[in-house]
């Protein structure tokens, strides 16, 4: 290979590194955080379900996000346990149609009766069978379960669903309209 071939190979490699760096910077720019839960840490009793043998506060944590893509027209939040022994995981919270100018939800926004989500937002059915936040409640003695608090930036302002939509259907529409997402993971075992 001559000098031109080596230079071309180097240019391709440099371009790939620049693109990878740009993609990494973009992916790292969109972040979710919480004053109530910390990445990789155990959930507090406040975020544990009250029922099914669990005794917790069943309070959704405060969540805030930054660095969302400028083209986002709305957001959705999901809380998912991929370790639930169901064969399909367990959906603990599903909220969508959060306006694009919103960058946080307060603690206990998952209490459907408290009406703490922004106007126009929809909390739909979880695997507990009803809208709103359902806290962690893995089987006693099971390994620690992962709880994924994900904020989805969407290219549409409204999903064509209501509070009766099952989480899997919401997931379908989220994936169809996703620009970018960011996840905060916590754990819980009992």
Protein backbone atom coordinates (compact mmCIF):
# COMPACT_ATOMS: atom_id res chain seq x y z
CA UNK A 1 0.00 0.00 0.00
CA UNK A 2 1.38 3.38 -0.97
CA UNK A 3 1.41 6.69 0.82
CA UNK A 4 -1.99 7.66 -0.59
CA UNK A 5 -3.52 4.37 0.61
CA UNK A 6 -2.06 4.87 4.07
CA UNK A 7 -3.30 8.47 4.16
CA UNK A 8 -6.77 7.39 3.03
CA UNK A 9 -6.84 4.68 5.69
CA UNK A 10 -5.75 7.24 8.31
CA UNK A 11 -8.44 9.70 7.16
CA UNK A 12 -11.11 7.00 7.42
CA UNK A 13 -9.91 6.09 10.92
CA UNK A 14 -9.82 9.75 11.97
CA UNK A 15 -13.33 10.29 10.57
CA UNK A 16 -14.60 7.23 12.43
CA UNK A 17 -13.09 8.50 15.68
CA UNK A 18 -14.64 11.95 15.20
CA UNK A 19 -18.04 10.40 14.48
CA UNK A 20 -17.73 8.06 17.46
CA UNK A 21 -16.73 10.98 19.67
CA UNK A 22 -19.67 13.05 18.45
CA UNK A 23 -22.07 10.18 19.04
CA UNK A 24 -20.60 9.60 22.50
CA UNK A 25 -20.83 13.29 23.37
CA UNK A 26 -24.47 13.38 22.27
CA UNK A 27 -25.30 10.20 24.18
CA UNK A 28 -23.58 11.55 27.29
CA UNK A 29 -25.28 14.93 27.00
CA UNK A 30 -28.80 13.65 27.71
CA UNK A 31 -28.88 12.69 31.38
CA UNK A 32 -31.46 11.79 34.00
CA UNK A 33 -30.81 12.21 37.72
CA UNK A 34 -32.70 12.12 40.99
CA UNK A 35 -32.34 13.55 44.46
CA UNK A 36 -34.10 10.40 45.75
CA UNK A 37 -32.23 7.58 44.01
CA UNK A 38 -28.61 7.17 42.94
CA UNK A 39 -27.12 5.25 40.02
CA UNK A 40 -26.22 1.70 41.01
CA UNK A 41 -27.52 2.06 44.58
CA UNK A 42 -30.30 0.31 46.45
CA UNK A 43 -33.75 1.90 46.31
CA UNK A 44 -35.03 3.36 49.57
CA UNK A 45 -38.13 1.95 51.28
CA UNK A 46 -39.96 5.00 49.98
CA UNK A 47 -39.74 3.57 46.42
CA UNK A 48 -40.87 0.06 47.48
CA UNK A 49 -44.38 -1.19 46.70
CA UNK A 50 -46.95 -1.46 49.48
CA UNK A 51 -48.52 -4.87 48.80
CA UNK A 52 -47.64 -8.36 47.50
CA UNK A 53 -45.75 -8.90 50.76
CA UNK A 54 -43.74 -5.68 50.42
CA UNK A 55 -44.07 -2.81 52.87
CA UNK A 56 -42.92 0.45 51.35
CA UNK A 57 -44.04 3.98 50.67
CA UNK A 58 -44.83 3.37 46.98
CA UNK A 59 -43.65 6.91 46.18
CA UNK A 60 -42.14 7.70 42.79
CA UNK A 61 -38.82 9.53 43.05
CA UNK A 62 -38.25 13.07 41.84
CA UNK A 63 -36.61 12.93 38.41
CA UNK A 64 -34.91 15.64 36.41
CA UNK A 65 -33.20 15.54 33.04
CA UNK A 66 -30.94 17.78 30.98
CA UNK A 67 -29.24 17.84 27.61
CA UNK A 68 -32.26 16.55 25.71
CA UNK A 69 -32.13 16.70 21.91
CA UNK A 70 -33.34 20.07 20.64
CA UNK A 71 -35.78 18.37 18.27
CA UNK A 72 -37.64 16.57 21.10
CA UNK A 73 -41.37 17.36 20.96
CA UNK A 74 -42.30 15.45 24.14
CA UNK A 75 -40.94 13.08 26.76
CA UNK A 76 -42.00 9.80 28.30
CA UNK A 77 -40.81 8.12 31.47
CA UNK A 78 -40.79 4.40 32.10
CA UNK A 79 -39.68 2.36 35.09
CA UNK A 80 -38.93 -1.23 34.19
CA UNK A 81 -37.60 -4.32 36.03
CA UNK A 82 -35.95 -6.63 33.46
CA UNK A 83 -35.26 -9.21 36.19
CA UNK A 84 -38.89 -9.93 37.16
CA UNK A 85 -39.60 -13.65 36.86
CA UNK A 86 -42.32 -13.20 34.24
CA UNK A 87 -40.48 -13.88 31.00
CA UNK A 88 -41.15 -10.28 29.97
CA UNK A 89 -39.99 -8.17 32.90
CA UNK A 90 -42.27 -5.85 34.87
CA UNK A 91 -43.43 -2.31 34.06
CA UNK A 92 -43.61 -0.20 37.24
CA UNK A 93 -44.46 3.19 35.73
CA UNK A 94 -45.41 4.55 32.31
CA UNK A 95 -45.91 8.29 31.71
CA UNK A 96 -46.04 9.90 28.26
CA UNK A 97 -47.04 13.11 26.46
CA UNK A 98 -44.87 15.12 28.85
CA UNK A 99 -44.45 18.53 27.14
CA UNK A 100 -41.05 19.31 25.62
CA UNK A 101 -40.52 22.32 27.93
CA UNK A 102 -40.69 20.11 31.05
CA UNK A 103 -37.38 18.88 32.50
CA UNK A 104 -38.44 17.37 35.83
CA UNK A 105 -41.17 15.53 37.68
CA UNK A 106 -41.57 16.01 41.43
CA UNK A 107 -41.51 13.27 44.04
CA UNK A 108 -44.82 11.37 44.14
CA UNK A 109 -45.78 12.40 40.59
CA UNK A 110 -46.59 8.70 40.10
CA UNK A 111 -49.54 9.03 42.48
CA UNK A 112 -52.24 9.28 39.78
CA UNK A 113 -54.66 10.94 42.21
CA UNK A 114 -52.20 13.68 43.22
CA UNK A 115 -52.18 15.17 39.69
CA UNK A 116 -48.50 16.16 39.90
CA UNK A 117 -47.65 15.34 36.28
CA UNK A 118 -47.81 18.23 33.78
CA UNK A 119 -51.14 19.00 32.11
CA UNK A 120 -51.68 16.78 29.08
CA UNK A 121 -49.40 14.02 30.38
CA UNK A 122 -50.81 10.51 30.60
CA UNK A 123 -50.02 7.83 33.16
CA UNK A 124 -51.08 4.51 31.68
CA UNK A 125 -51.45 0.97 32.98
CA UNK A 126 -48.49 -0.77 34.53
CA UNK A 127 -48.11 -4.48 35.21
CA UNK A 128 -49.90 -3.83 38.50
CA UNK A 129 -53.00 -3.33 36.32
CA UNK A 130 -53.60 0.37 36.84
CA UNK A 131 -52.06 3.76 36.03
CA UNK A 132 -49.47 5.32 38.33
CA UNK A 133 -46.23 4.32 39.97
CA UNK A 134 -45.88 0.87 41.51
CA UNK A 135 -42.72 0.47 43.55
CA UNK A 136 -40.16 -2.30 43.68
CA UNK A 137 -41.28 -5.67 45.02
CA UNK A 138 -39.11 -8.55 43.84
CA UNK A 139 -39.75 -12.06 45.19
CA UNK A 140 -38.27 -12.58 48.67
CA UNK A 141 -34.85 -14.22 48.47
CA UNK A 142 -34.41 -13.45 44.77
CA UNK A 143 -31.22 -11.79 43.48
CA UNK A 144 -31.25 -7.97 43.47
CA UNK A 145 -33.46 -6.71 40.66
CA UNK A 146 -32.51 -3.80 38.38
CA UNK A 147 -34.95 -0.89 38.18
CA UNK A 148 -34.47 1.21 35.05
CA UNK A 149 -35.80 4.79 35.27
CA UNK A 150 -35.72 5.91 31.63
CA UNK A 151 -36.55 9.26 30.07
CA UNK A 152 -37.40 9.00 26.35
CA UNK A 153 -37.06 12.06 24.07
CA UNK A 154 -39.68 11.71 21.33
CA UNK A 155 -40.21 13.16 17.86
CA UNK A 156 -43.96 13.55 18.41
CA UNK A 157 -45.84 15.73 20.86
CA UNK A 158 -48.55 13.13 21.54
CA UNK A 159 -48.79 9.35 21.47
CA UNK A 160 -52.22 8.17 20.26
CA UNK A 161 -52.92 6.34 23.53
CA UNK A 162 -54.76 6.88 26.80
CA UNK A 163 -54.52 5.70 30.43
CA UNK A 164 -55.86 2.26 29.48
CA UNK A 165 -52.97 1.47 27.15
CA UNK A 166 -50.86 -1.46 28.35
CA UNK A 167 -47.15 -0.82 28.85
CA UNK A 168 -46.13 -3.03 25.90
CA UNK A 169 -48.27 -0.95 23.52
CA UNK A 170 -46.79 2.26 24.91
CA UNK A 171 -43.35 0.71 24.43
CA UNK A 172 -44.15 0.06 20.77
CA UNK A 173 -45.02 3.74 20.20
CA UNK A 174 -42.02 4.91 22.22
CA UNK A 175 -39.67 2.91 20.02
CA UNK A 176 -41.41 4.19 16.86
CA UNK A 177 -40.94 7.82 17.96
CA UNK A 178 -37.66 7.68 19.88
CA UNK A 179 -34.93 10.24 19.27
CA UNK A 180 -32.81 9.40 22.31
CA UNK A 181 -33.17 8.00 25.82
CA UNK A 182 -31.27 8.09 29.08
CA UNK A 183 -31.52 5.68 32.00
CA UNK A 184 -30.82 5.77 35.73
CA UNK A 185 -30.49 2.26 37.23
CA UNK A 186 -31.03 1.33 40.86
CA UNK A 187 -31.39 -2.04 42.59
CA UNK A 188 -33.57 -3.70 45.18
CA UNK A 189 -33.81 -7.09 46.88
CA UNK A 190 -35.62 -8.38 49.94
